[in-house]
Amino acid sequence: MYMMSKLQTTTNKISRKLPTNRPPTHPGEMLLEEFIKPLNITQTELAKRLGVSYPRLNEIIKGRRSVTPDTALRLSRVLGMSADFWLGLQQDWDLWHAMNSPKAIEIKMLQPL
């Protein structure tokens, strides 16, 4: 009798709901639209409050840089949203792009143990 390993059952599941017709919201877009604009602060001011350089923050906002655990902790402290919130947005972004990349077909062909 064949038994499915626990490893296989856990790695085949995606616990977060990702959009199918578009990429999820990048954390930088969320930061700009839901925090910077409504709070009427500049990127320069937020960068200072976060203790990071303006280019680092600007690259996140433009979607050219990922939110790291360090950045997530800083955003959490300054803006009040959990570090998990920011890392979750980044994880959704990264996973969606991996699932929709040319390599995704190759990955689907891999055989589970």
PDB file of N, CA and C in Angstrom:
ATOM      1  N   MET A   1       0.838  -1.179   0.000  1.00  0.00           N
ATOM      2  CA  MET A   1       0.000   0.000   0.000  1.00  0.00           C
ATOM      3  C   MET A   1       0.889   1.250   0.000  1.00  0.00           C
ATOM      4  N   TYR A   2       0.638   2.155  -0.917  1.00  0.00           N
ATOM      5  CA  TYR A   2       1.422   3.389  -1.033  1.00  0.00           C
ATOM      6  C   TYR A   2       0.875   4.428  -0.065  1.00  0.00           C
ATOM      7  N   MET A   3       1.783   5.048   0.685  1.00  0.00           N
ATOM      8  CA  MET A   3       1.374   6.118   1.603  1.00  0.00           C
ATOM      9  C   MET A   3       2.063   7.411   1.186  1.00  0.00           C
ATOM     10  N   MET A   4       1.316   8.462   1.149  1.00  0.00           N
ATOM     11  CA  MET A   4       1.875   9.768   0.812  1.00  0.00           C
ATOM     12  C   MET A   4       2.640  10.297   2.025  1.00  0.00           C
ATOM     13  N   SER A   5       3.845  10.750   1.805  1.00  0.00           N
ATOM     14  CA  SER A   5       4.627  11.273   2.927  1.00  0.00           C
ATOM     15  C   SER A   5       4.055  12.603   3.404  1.00  0.00           C
ATOM     16  N   LYS A   6       4.276  12.893   4.673  1.00  0.00           N
ATOM     17  CA  LYS A   6       3.831  14.179   5.212  1.00  0.00           C
ATOM     18  C   LYS A   6       4.509  15.336   4.492  1.00  0.00           C
ATOM     19  N   LEU A   7       5.762  15.131   4.107  1.00  0.00           N
ATOM     20  CA  LEU A   7       6.492  16.173   3.393  1.00  0.00           C
ATOM     21  C   LEU A   7       5.765  16.549   2.107  1.00  0.00           C
ATOM     22  N   GLN A   8       5.323  15.560   1.372  1.00  0.00           N
ATOM     23  CA  GLN A   8       4.639  15.831   0.111  1.00  0.00           C
ATOM     24  C   GLN A   8       3.332  16.568   0.356  1.00  0.00           C
ATOM     25  N   THR A   9       2.588  16.159   1.349  1.00  0.00           N
ATOM     26  CA  THR A   9       1.301  16.801   1.571  1.00  0.00           C
ATOM     27  C   THR A   9       1.461  18.245   2.024  1.00  0.00           C
ATOM     28  N   THR A  10       2.529  18.540   2.730  1.00  0.00           N
ATOM     29  CA  THR A  10       2.697  19.925   3.171  1.00  0.00           C
ATOM     30  C   THR A  10       3.314  20.806   2.093  1.00  0.00           C
ATOM     31  N   THR A  11       4.148  20.253   1.235  1.00  0.00           N
ATOM     32  CA  THR A  11       4.788  21.097   0.226  1.00  0.00           C
ATOM     33  C   THR A  11       3.897  21.348  -0.981  1.00  0.00           C
ATOM     34  N   ASN A  12       2.844  20.584  -1.147  1.00  0.00           N
ATOM     35  CA  ASN A  12       1.950  20.802  -2.279  1.00  0.00           C
ATOM     36  C   ASN A  12       0.892  21.863  -1.994  1.00  0.00           C
ATOM     37  N   LYS A  13       0.801  22.320  -0.790  1.00  0.00           N
ATOM     38  CA  LYS A  13      -0.235  23.281  -0.419  1.00  0.00           C
ATOM     39  C   LYS A  13       0.322  24.699  -0.410  1.00  0.00           C
ATOM     40  N   ILE A  14      -0.495  25.598  -0.862  1.00  0.00           N
ATOM     41  CA  ILE A  14      -0.193  27.020  -0.733  1.00  0.00           C
ATOM     42  C   ILE A  14      -1.246  27.564   0.211  1.00  0.00           C
ATOM     43  N   SER A  15      -0.823  27.986   1.372  1.00  0.00           N
ATOM     44  CA  SER A  15      -1.774  28.373   2.402  1.00  0.00           C
ATOM     45  C   SER A  15      -2.363  29.763   2.183  1.00  0.00           C
ATOM     46  N   ARG A  16      -1.709  30.591   1.424  1.00  0.00           N
ATOM     47  CA  ARG A  16      -2.213  31.936   1.185  1.00  0.00           C
ATOM     48  C   ARG A  16      -2.922  31.974  -0.164  1.00  0.00           C
ATOM     49  N   LYS A  17      -3.956  32.768  -0.250  1.00  0.00           N
ATOM     50  CA  LYS A  17      -4.708  32.902  -1.489  1.00  0.00           C
ATOM     51  C   LYS A  17      -4.032  33.952  -2.364  1.00  0.00           C
ATOM     52  N   LEU A  18      -3.499  33.511  -3.489  1.00  0.00           N
ATOM     53  CA  LEU A  18      -2.839  34.426  -4.420  1.00  0.00           C
ATOM     54  C   LEU A  18      -3.768  34.720  -5.586  1.00  0.00           C
ATOM     55  N   PRO A  19      -3.755  35.946  -6.103  1.00  0.00           N
ATOM     56  CA  PRO A  19      -4.576  36.242  -7.278  1.00  0.00           C
ATOM     57  C   PRO A  19      -4.093  35.426  -8.475  1.00  0.00           C
ATOM     58  N   THR A  20      -5.012  35.084  -9.351  1.00  0.00           N
ATOM     59  CA  THR A  20      -4.645  34.291 -10.526  1.00  0.00           C
ATOM     60  C   THR A  20      -4.465  35.150 -11.771  1.00  0.00           C
ATOM     61  N   ASN A  21      -5.123  36.302 -11.818  1.00  0.00           N
ATOM     62  CA  ASN A  21      -5.116  37.106 -13.041  1.00  0.00           C
ATOM     63  C   ASN A  21      -4.172  38.306 -13.003  1.00  0.00           C
ATOM     64  N   ARG A  22      -3.483  38.488 -11.884  1.00  0.00           N
ATOM     65  CA  ARG A  22      -2.567  39.622 -11.747  1.00  0.00           C
ATOM     66  C   ARG A  22      -1.616  39.333 -10.593  1.00  0.00           C
ATOM     67  N   PRO A  23      -0.479  40.002 -10.573  1.00  0.00           N
ATOM     68  CA  PRO A  23       0.415  39.826  -9.422  1.00  0.00           C
ATOM     69  C   PRO A  23      -0.224  40.405  -8.156  1.00  0.00           C
ATOM     70  N   PRO A  24       0.118  39.872  -7.002  1.00  0.00           N
ATOM     71  CA  PRO A  24      -0.364  40.496  -5.768  1.00  0.00           C
ATOM     72  C   PRO A  24       0.261  41.880  -5.601  1.00  0.00           C
ATOM     73  N   THR A  25      -0.267  42.634  -4.699  1.00  0.00           N
ATOM     74  CA  THR A  25       0.249  43.974  -4.444  1.00  0.00           C
ATOM     75  C   THR A  25       1.655  43.888  -3.856  1.00  0.00           C
ATOM     76  N   HIS A  26       2.579  44.619  -4.454  1.00  0.00           N
ATOM     77  CA  HIS A  26       3.942  44.672  -3.921  1.00  0.00           C
ATOM     78  C   HIS A  26       3.907  45.475  -2.618  1.00  0.00           C
ATOM     79  N   PRO A  27       4.701  45.076  -1.630  1.00  0.00           N
ATOM     80  CA  PRO A  27       4.702  45.821  -0.371  1.00  0.00           C
ATOM     81  C   PRO A  27       5.050  47.299  -0.541  1.00  0.00           C
ATOM     82  N   GLY A  28       5.842  47.631  -1.536  1.00  0.00           N
ATOM     83  CA  GLY A  28       6.167  49.032  -1.787  1.00  0.00           C
ATOM     84  C   GLY A  28       4.961  49.836  -2.231  1.00  0.00           C
ATOM     85  N   GLU A  29       4.118  49.222  -3.056  1.00  0.00           N
ATOM     86  CA  GLU A  29       2.888  49.895  -3.489  1.00  0.00           C
ATOM     87  C   GLU A  29       1.953  50.091  -2.299  1.00  0.00           C
ATOM     88  N   MET A  30       1.838  49.063  -1.464  1.00  0.00           N
ATOM     89  CA  MET A  30       1.015  49.161  -0.257  1.00  0.00           C
ATOM     90  C   MET A  30       1.537  50.279   0.647  1.00  0.00           C
ATOM     91  N   LEU A  31       2.833  50.333   0.799  1.00  0.00           N
ATOM     92  CA  LEU A  31       3.459  51.356   1.635  1.00  0.00           C
ATOM     93  C   LEU A  31       3.134  52.756   1.117  1.00  0.00           C
ATOM     94  N   LEU A  32       3.249  52.941  -0.185  1.00  0.00           N
ATOM     95  CA  LEU A  32       2.979  54.246  -0.783  1.00  0.00           C
ATOM     96  C   LEU A  32       1.504  54.624  -0.682  1.00  0.00           C
ATOM     97  N   GLU A  33       0.637  53.729  -1.131  1.00  0.00           N
ATOM     98  CA  GLU A  33      -0.788  54.054  -1.253  1.00  0.00           C
ATOM     99  C   GLU A  33      -1.540  54.060   0.078  1.00  0.00           C
ATOM    100  N   GLU A  34      -1.147  53.202   1.006  1.00  0.00           N
ATOM    101  CA  GLU A  34      -1.901  53.066   2.252  1.00  0.00           C
ATOM    102  C   GLU A  34      -1.259  53.758   3.453  1.00  0.00           C
ATOM    103  N   PHE A  35      -0.021  54.190   3.299  1.00  0.00           N
ATOM    104  CA  PHE A  35       0.659  54.813   4.434  1.00  0.00           C
ATOM    105  C   PHE A  35       1.242  56.179   4.088  1.00  0.00           C
ATOM    106  N   ILE A  36       2.128  56.238   3.110  1.00  0.00           N
ATOM    107  CA  ILE A  36       2.809  57.502   2.808  1.00  0.00           C
ATOM    108  C   ILE A  36       1.820  58.573   2.350  1.00  0.00           C
ATOM    109  N   LYS A  37       0.992  58.246   1.374  1.00  0.00           N
ATOM    110  CA  LYS A  37       0.033  59.247   0.873  1.00  0.00           C
ATOM    111  C   LYS A  37      -0.985  59.651   1.939  1.00  0.00           C
ATOM    112  N   PRO A  38      -1.669  58.689   2.593  1.00  0.00           N
ATOM    113  CA  PRO A  38      -2.652  59.094   3.608  1.00  0.00           C
ATOM    114  C   PRO A  38      -2.045  59.853   4.798  1.00  0.00           C
ATOM    115  N   LEU A  39      -0.824  59.506   5.176  1.00  0.00           N
ATOM    116  CA  LEU A  39      -0.174  60.198   6.290  1.00  0.00           C
ATOM    117  C   LEU A  39       0.447  61.525   5.861  1.00  0.00           C
ATOM    118  N   ASN A  40       0.437  61.771   4.550  1.00  0.00           N
ATOM    119  CA  ASN A  40       0.976  63.008   3.986  1.00  0.00           C
ATOM    120  C   ASN A  40       2.419  63.262   4.441  1.00  0.00           C
ATOM    121  N   ILE A  41       3.240  62.192   4.337  1.00  0.00           N
ATOM    122  CA  ILE A  41       4.657  62.331   4.654  1.00  0.00           C
ATOM    123  C   ILE A  41       5.469  62.028   3.396  1.00  0.00           C
ATOM    124  N   THR A  42       6.662  62.514   3.367  1.00  0.00           N
ATOM    125  CA  THR A  42       7.525  62.265   2.214  1.00  0.00           C
ATOM    126  C   THR A  42       8.306  60.969   2.421  1.00  0.00           C
ATOM    127  N   GLN A  43       8.814  60.455   1.324  1.00  0.00           N
ATOM    128  CA  GLN A  43       9.681  59.284   1.415  1.00  0.00           C
ATOM    129  C   GLN A  43      10.927  59.621   2.229  1.00  0.00           C
ATOM    130  N   THR A  44      11.414  60.824   2.087  1.00  0.00           N
ATOM    131  CA  THR A  44      12.592  61.256   2.843  1.00  0.00           C
ATOM    132  C   THR A  44      12.317  61.214   4.340  1.00  0.00           C
ATOM    133  N   GLU A  45      11.167  61.729   4.746  1.00  0.00           N
ATOM    134  CA  GLU A  45      10.800  61.729   6.169  1.00  0.00           C
ATOM    135  C   GLU A  45      10.637  60.307   6.692  1.00  0.00           C
ATOM    136  N   LEU A  46       9.969  59.454   5.927  1.00  0.00           N
ATOM    137  CA  LEU A  46       9.784  58.076   6.380  1.00  0.00           C
ATOM    138  C   LEU A  46      11.122  57.348   6.453  1.00  0.00           C
ATOM    139  N   ALA A  47      11.981  57.567   5.477  1.00  0.00           N
ATOM    140  CA  ALA A  47      13.306  56.936   5.497  1.00  0.00           C
ATOM    141  C   ALA A  47      14.062  57.325   6.770  1.00  0.00           C
ATOM    142  N   LYS A  48      13.996  58.597   7.141  1.00  0.00           N
ATOM    143  CA  LYS A  48      14.662  59.053   8.366  1.00  0.00           C
ATOM    144  C   LYS A  48      14.076  58.362   9.588  1.00  0.00           C
ATOM    145  N   ARG A  49      12.758  58.288   9.656  1.00  0.00           N
ATOM    146  CA  ARG A  49      12.100  57.652  10.805  1.00  0.00           C
ATOM    147  C   ARG A  49      12.416  56.161  10.890  1.00  0.00           C
ATOM    148  N   LEU A  50      12.589  55.538   9.726  1.00  0.00           N
ATOM    149  CA  LEU A  50      12.927  54.111   9.684  1.00  0.00           C
ATOM    150  C   LEU A  50      14.406  53.860   9.958  1.00  0.00           C
ATOM    151  N   GLY A  51      15.215  54.894   9.816  1.00  0.00           N
ATOM    152  CA  GLY A  51      16.661  54.734   9.983  1.00  0.00           C
ATOM    153  C   GLY A  51      17.306  54.047   8.798  1.00  0.00           C
ATOM    154  N   VAL A  52      16.740  54.293   7.603  1.00  0.00           N
ATOM    155  CA  VAL A  52      17.296  53.718   6.371  1.00  0.00           C
ATOM    156  C   VAL A  52      17.556  54.848   5.386  1.00  0.00           C
ATOM    157  N   SER A  53      18.301  54.545   4.345  1.00  0.00           N
ATOM    158  CA  SER A  53      18.582  55.561   3.330  1.00  0.00           C
ATOM    159  C   SER A  53      17.356  55.787   2.448  1.00  0.00           C
ATOM    160  N   TYR A  54      17.290  56.981   1.887  1.00  0.00           N
ATOM    161  CA  TYR A  54      16.222  57.282   0.935  1.00  0.00           C
ATOM    162  C   TYR A  54      16.237  56.303  -0.245  1.00  0.00           C
ATOM    163  N   PRO A  55      17.403  56.030  -0.864  1.00  0.00           N
ATOM    164  CA  PRO A  55      17.394  55.090  -1.995  1.00  0.00           C
ATOM    165  C   PRO A  55      16.841  53.707  -1.627  1.00  0.00           C
ATOM    166  N   ARG A  56      17.167  53.225  -0.439  1.00  0.00           N
ATOM    167  CA  ARG A  56      16.652  51.914  -0.009  1.00  0.00           C
ATOM    168  C   ARG A  56      15.128  51.928   0.034  1.00  0.00           C
ATOM    169  N   LEU A  57      14.547  52.946   0.652  1.00  0.00           N
ATOM    170  CA  LEU A  57      13.092  53.036   0.743  1.00  0.00           C
ATOM    171  C   LEU A  57      12.474  53.236  -0.634  1.00  0.00           C
ATOM    172  N   ASN A  58      13.057  54.111  -1.434  1.00  0.00           N
ATOM    173  CA  ASN A  58      12.531  54.391  -2.765  1.00  0.00           C
ATOM    174  C   ASN A  58      12.538  53.146  -3.653  1.00  0.00           C
ATOM    175  N   GLU A  59      13.566  52.336  -3.550  1.00  0.00           N
ATOM    176  CA  GLU A  59      13.626  51.099  -4.338  1.00  0.00           C
ATOM    177  C   GLU A  59      12.536  50.120  -3.920  1.00  0.00           C
ATOM    178  N   ILE A  60      12.215  50.079  -2.637  1.00  0.00           N
ATOM    179  CA  ILE A  60      11.104  49.232  -2.177  1.00  0.00           C
ATOM    180  C   ILE A  60       9.801  49.755  -2.755  1.00  0.00           C
ATOM    181  N   ILE A  61       9.587  51.051  -2.656  1.00  0.00           N
ATOM    182  CA  ILE A  61       8.349  51.654  -3.151  1.00  0.00           C
ATOM    183  C   ILE A  61       8.189  51.429  -4.650  1.00  0.00           C
ATOM    184  N   LYS A  62       9.268  51.476  -5.401  1.00  0.00           N
ATOM    185  CA  LYS A  62       9.207  51.256  -6.851  1.00  0.00           C
ATOM    186  C   LYS A  62       9.166  49.776  -7.224  1.00  0.00           C
ATOM    187  N   GLY A  63       9.219  48.887  -6.240  1.00  0.00           N
ATOM    188  CA  GLY A  63       9.162  47.453  -6.515  1.00  0.00           C
ATOM    189  C   GLY A  63      10.467  46.870  -7.011  1.00  0.00           C
ATOM    190  N   ARG A  64      11.549  47.587  -6.836  1.00  0.00           N
ATOM    191  CA  ARG A  64      12.866  47.128  -7.298  1.00  0.00           C
ATOM    192  C   ARG A  64      13.666  46.432  -6.200  1.00  0.00           C
ATOM    193  N   ARG A  65      13.140  46.478  -4.991  1.00  0.00           N
ATOM    194  CA  ARG A  65      13.837  45.896  -3.846  1.00  0.00           C
ATOM    195  C   ARG A  65      12.813  45.191  -2.966  1.00  0.00           C
ATOM    196  N   SER A  66      13.240  44.117  -2.350  1.00  0.00           N
ATOM    197  CA  SER A  66      12.358  43.342  -1.476  1.00  0.00           C
ATOM    198  C   SER A  66      12.356  43.907  -0.061  1.00  0.00           C
ATOM    199  N   VAL A  67      11.262  43.638   0.637  1.00  0.00           N
ATOM    200  CA  VAL A  67      11.203  43.929   2.061  1.00  0.00           C
ATOM    201  C   VAL A  67      11.906  42.783   2.784  1.00  0.00           C
ATOM    202  N   THR A  68      12.969  43.095   3.475  1.00  0.00           N
ATOM    203  CA  THR A  68      13.731  42.107   4.240  1.00  0.00           C
ATOM    204  C   THR A  68      13.168  42.035   5.661  1.00  0.00           C
ATOM    205  N   PRO A  69      13.543  41.017   6.428  1.00  0.00           N
ATOM    206  CA  PRO A  69      13.112  40.989   7.830  1.00  0.00           C
ATOM    207  C   PRO A  69      13.514  42.254   8.595  1.00  0.00           C
ATOM    208  N   ASP A  70      14.701  42.775   8.337  1.00  0.00           N
ATOM    209  CA  ASP A  70      15.136  44.011   8.987  1.00  0.00           C
ATOM    210  C   ASP A  70      14.195  45.164   8.646  1.00  0.00           C
ATOM    211  N   THR A  71      13.879  45.314   7.373  1.00  0.00           N
ATOM    212  CA  THR A  71      12.974  46.387   6.951  1.00  0.00           C
ATOM    213  C   THR A  71      11.584  46.167   7.526  1.00  0.00           C
ATOM    214  N   ALA A  72      11.123  44.926   7.540  1.00  0.00           N
ATOM    215  CA  ALA A  72       9.801  44.616   8.090  1.00  0.00           C
ATOM    216  C   ALA A  72       9.716  45.009   9.564  1.00  0.00           C
ATOM    217  N   LEU A  73      10.761  44.747  10.321  1.00  0.00           N
ATOM    218  CA  LEU A  73      10.774  45.138  11.737  1.00  0.00           C
ATOM    219  C   LEU A  73      10.741  46.655  11.888  1.00  0.00           C
ATOM    220  N   ARG A  74      11.461  47.352  11.036  1.00  0.00           N
ATOM    221  CA  ARG A  74      11.473  48.820  11.085  1.00  0.00           C
ATOM    222  C   ARG A  74      10.090  49.379  10.729  1.00  0.00           C
ATOM    223  N   LEU A  75       9.491  48.853   9.662  1.00  0.00           N
ATOM    224  CA  LEU A  75       8.151  49.298   9.264  1.00  0.00           C
ATOM    225  C   LEU A  75       7.140  49.010  10.370  1.00  0.00           C
ATOM    226  N   SER A  76       7.267  47.854  10.985  1.00  0.00           N
ATOM    227  CA  SER A  76       6.367  47.478  12.069  1.00  0.00           C
ATOM    228  C   SER A  76       6.450  48.472  13.222  1.00  0.00           C
ATOM    229  N   ARG A  77       7.645  48.808  13.605  1.00  0.00           N
ATOM    230  CA  ARG A  77       7.848  49.730  14.726  1.00  0.00           C
ATOM    231  C   ARG A  77       7.310  51.127  14.421  1.00  0.00           C
ATOM    232  N   VAL A  78       7.568  51.614  13.226  1.00  0.00           N
ATOM    233  CA  VAL A  78       7.205  52.989  12.875  1.00  0.00           C
ATOM    234  C   VAL A  78       5.738  53.123  12.468  1.00  0.00           C
ATOM    235  N   LEU A  79       5.208  52.131  11.739  1.00  0.00           N
ATOM    236  CA  LEU A  79       3.856  52.252  11.190  1.00  0.00           C
ATOM    237  C   LEU A  79       2.796  51.449  11.946  1.00  0.00           C
ATOM    238  N   GLY A  80       3.229  50.547  12.812  1.00  0.00           N
ATOM    239  CA  GLY A  80       2.258  49.828  13.628  1.00  0.00           C
ATOM    240  C   GLY A  80       1.731  48.526  13.059  1.00  0.00           C
ATOM    241  N   MET A  81       2.001  48.229  11.809  1.00  0.00           N
ATOM    242  CA  MET A  81       1.597  46.945  11.236  1.00  0.00           C
ATOM    243  C   MET A  81       2.677  45.927  11.585  1.00  0.00           C
ATOM    244  N   SER A  82       2.289  44.671  11.759  1.00  0.00           N
ATOM    245  CA  SER A  82       3.256  43.656  12.176  1.00  0.00           C
ATOM    246  C   SER A  82       4.310  43.400  11.101  1.00  0.00           C
ATOM    247  N   ALA A  83       5.452  42.927  11.547  1.00  0.00           N
ATOM    248  CA  ALA A  83       6.500  42.522  10.604  1.00  0.00           C
ATOM    249  C   ALA A  83       5.986  41.395   9.719  1.00  0.00           C
ATOM    250  N   ASP A  84       5.154  40.511  10.283  1.00  0.00           N
ATOM    251  CA  ASP A  84       4.560  39.423   9.498  1.00  0.00           C
ATOM    252  C   ASP A  84       3.718  39.954   8.342  1.00  0.00           C
ATOM    253  N   PHE A  85       3.039  41.063   8.558  1.00  0.00           N
ATOM    254  CA  PHE A  85       2.235  41.675   7.504  1.00  0.00           C
ATOM    255  C   PHE A  85       3.116  42.033   6.307  1.00  0.00           C
ATOM    256  N   TRP A  86       4.222  42.730   6.576  1.00  0.00           N
ATOM    257  CA  TRP A  86       5.114  43.172   5.498  1.00  0.00           C
ATOM    258  C   TRP A  86       5.802  41.996   4.826  1.00  0.00           C
ATOM    259  N   LEU A  87       6.248  41.029   5.621  1.00  0.00           N
ATOM    260  CA  LEU A  87       6.905  39.854   5.043  1.00  0.00           C
ATOM    261  C   LEU A  87       5.909  38.998   4.271  1.00  0.00           C
ATOM    262  N   GLY A  88       4.663  38.965   4.727  1.00  0.00           N
ATOM    263  CA  GLY A  88       3.626  38.225   4.005  1.00  0.00           C
ATOM    264  C   GLY A  88       3.360  38.817   2.633  1.00  0.00           C
ATOM    265  N   LEU A  89       3.306  40.143   2.558  1.00  0.00           N
ATOM    266  CA  LEU A  89       3.144  40.795   1.257  1.00  0.00           C
ATOM    267  C   LEU A  89       4.301  40.445   0.332  1.00  0.00           C
ATOM    268  N   GLN A  90       5.520  40.485   0.875  1.00  0.00           N
ATOM    269  CA  GLN A  90       6.700  40.169   0.067  1.00  0.00           C
ATOM    270  C   GLN A  90       6.685  38.711  -0.369  1.00  0.00           C
ATOM    271  N   GLN A  91       6.300  37.830   0.547  1.00  0.00           N
ATOM    272  CA  GLN A  91       6.237  36.402   0.218  1.00  0.00           C
ATOM    273  C   GLN A  91       5.217  36.148  -0.890  1.00  0.00           C
ATOM    274  N   ASP A  92       4.053  36.776  -0.790  1.00  0.00           N
ATOM    275  CA  ASP A  92       3.035  36.617  -1.836  1.00  0.00           C
ATOM    276  C   ASP A  92       3.575  37.077  -3.183  1.00  0.00           C
ATOM    277  N   TRP A  93       4.236  38.219  -3.200  1.00  0.00           N
ATOM    278  CA  TRP A  93       4.816  38.773  -4.430  1.00  0.00           C
ATOM    279  C   TRP A  93       5.829  37.805  -5.035  1.00  0.00           C
ATOM    280  N   ASP A  94       6.749  37.350  -4.195  1.00  0.00           N
ATOM    281  CA  ASP A  94       7.812  36.456  -4.667  1.00  0.00           C
ATOM    282  C   ASP A  94       7.252  35.127  -5.155  1.00  0.00           C
ATOM    283  N   LEU A  95       6.313  34.560  -4.402  1.00  0.00           N
ATOM    284  CA  LEU A  95       5.747  33.267  -4.766  1.00  0.00           C
ATOM    285  C   LEU A  95       4.957  33.357  -6.065  1.00  0.00           C
ATOM    286  N   TRP A  96       4.154  34.397  -6.225  1.00  0.00           N
ATOM    287  CA  TRP A  96       3.375  34.558  -7.455  1.00  0.00           C
ATOM    288  C   TRP A  96       4.302  34.630  -8.661  1.00  0.00           C
ATOM    289  N   HIS A  97       5.372  35.398  -8.535  1.00  0.00           N
ATOM    290  CA  HIS A  97       6.304  35.530  -9.661  1.00  0.00           C
ATOM    291  C   HIS A  97       7.031  34.221  -9.941  1.00  0.00           C
ATOM    292  N   ALA A  98       7.358  33.470  -8.909  1.00  0.00           N
ATOM    293  CA  ALA A  98       7.989  32.160  -9.119  1.00  0.00           C
ATOM    294  C   ALA A  98       7.017  31.203  -9.802  1.00  0.00           C
ATOM    295  N   MET A  99       5.753  31.248  -9.395  1.00  0.00           N
ATOM    296  CA  MET A  99       4.742  30.353  -9.971  1.00  0.00           C
ATOM    297  C   MET A  99       4.404  30.717 -11.413  1.00  0.00           C
ATOM    298  N   ASN A 100       4.680  31.926 -11.808  1.00  0.00           N
ATOM    299  CA  ASN A 100       4.357  32.381 -13.156  1.00  0.00           C
ATOM    300  C   ASN A 100       5.596  32.644 -14.004  1.00  0.00           C
ATOM    301  N   SER A 101       6.712  32.118 -13.587  1.00  0.00           N
ATOM    302  CA  SER A 101       7.955  32.287 -14.336  1.00  0.00           C
ATOM    303  C   SER A 101       8.134  31.129 -15.313  1.00  0.00           C
ATOM    304  N   PRO A 102       9.037  31.264 -16.275  1.00  0.00           N
ATOM    305  CA  PRO A 102       9.320  30.151 -17.186  1.00  0.00           C
ATOM    306  C   PRO A 102       9.779  28.888 -16.447  1.00  0.00           C
ATOM    307  N   LYS A 103      10.429  29.049 -15.314  1.00  0.00           N
ATOM    308  CA  LYS A 103      10.900  27.893 -14.540  1.00  0.00           C
ATOM    309  C   LYS A 103       9.743  27.110 -13.912  1.00  0.00           C
ATOM    310  N   ALA A 104       8.561  27.703 -13.807  1.00  0.00           N
ATOM    311  CA  ALA A 104       7.429  27.032 -13.164  1.00  0.00           C
ATOM    312  C   ALA A 104       7.070  25.735 -13.880  1.00  0.00           C
ATOM    313  N   ILE A 105       7.182  25.709 -15.203  1.00  0.00           N
ATOM    314  CA  ILE A 105       6.882  24.488 -15.966  1.00  0.00           C
ATOM    315  C   ILE A 105       7.880  23.401 -15.601  1.00  0.00           C
ATOM    316  N   GLU A 106       9.138  23.774 -15.521  1.00  0.00           N
ATOM    317  CA  GLU A 106      10.183  22.822 -15.124  1.00  0.00           C
ATOM    318  C   GLU A 106       9.914  22.281 -13.714  1.00  0.00           C
ATOM    319  N   ILE A 107       9.518  23.149 -12.817  1.00  0.00           N
ATOM    320  CA  ILE A 107       9.248  22.739 -11.436  1.00  0.00           C
ATOM    321  C   ILE A 107       8.064  21.781 -11.374  1.00  0.00           C
ATOM    322  N   LYS A 108       7.031  22.035 -12.183  1.00  0.00           N
ATOM    323  CA  LYS A 108       5.856  21.152 -12.191  1.00  0.00           C
ATOM    324  C   LYS A 108       6.199  19.751 -12.672  1.00  0.00           C
ATOM    325  N   MET A 109       7.265  19.617 -13.419  1.00  0.00           N
ATOM    326  CA  MET A 109       7.671  18.310 -13.936  1.00  0.00           C
ATOM    327  C   MET A 109       8.454  17.490 -12.905  1.00  0.00           C
ATOM    328  N   LEU A 110       8.880  18.112 -11.823  1.00  0.00           N
ATOM    329  CA  LEU A 110       9.626  17.398 -10.791  1.00  0.00           C
ATOM    330  C   LEU A 110       8.735  16.354 -10.131  1.00  0.00           C
ATOM    331  N   GLN A 111       9.322  15.229  -9.796  1.00  0.00           N
ATOM    332  CA  GLN A 111       8.579  14.133  -9.173  1.00  0.00           C
ATOM    333  C   GLN A 111       8.775  14.161  -7.656  1.00  0.00           C
ATOM    334  N   PRO A 112       7.673  14.160  -6.898  1.00  0.00           N
ATOM    335  CA  PRO A 112       7.793  14.123  -5.440  1.00  0.00           C
ATOM    336  C   PRO A 112       8.373  12.787  -4.966  1.00  0.00           C
ATOM    337  N   LEU A 113       8.994  12.797  -3.829  1.00  0.00           N
ATOM    338  CA  LEU A 113       9.516  11.570  -3.226  1.00  0.00           C
ATOM    339  C   LEU A 113       8.378  10.714  -2.698  1.00  0.00           C
TER     340      LEU A 113
END
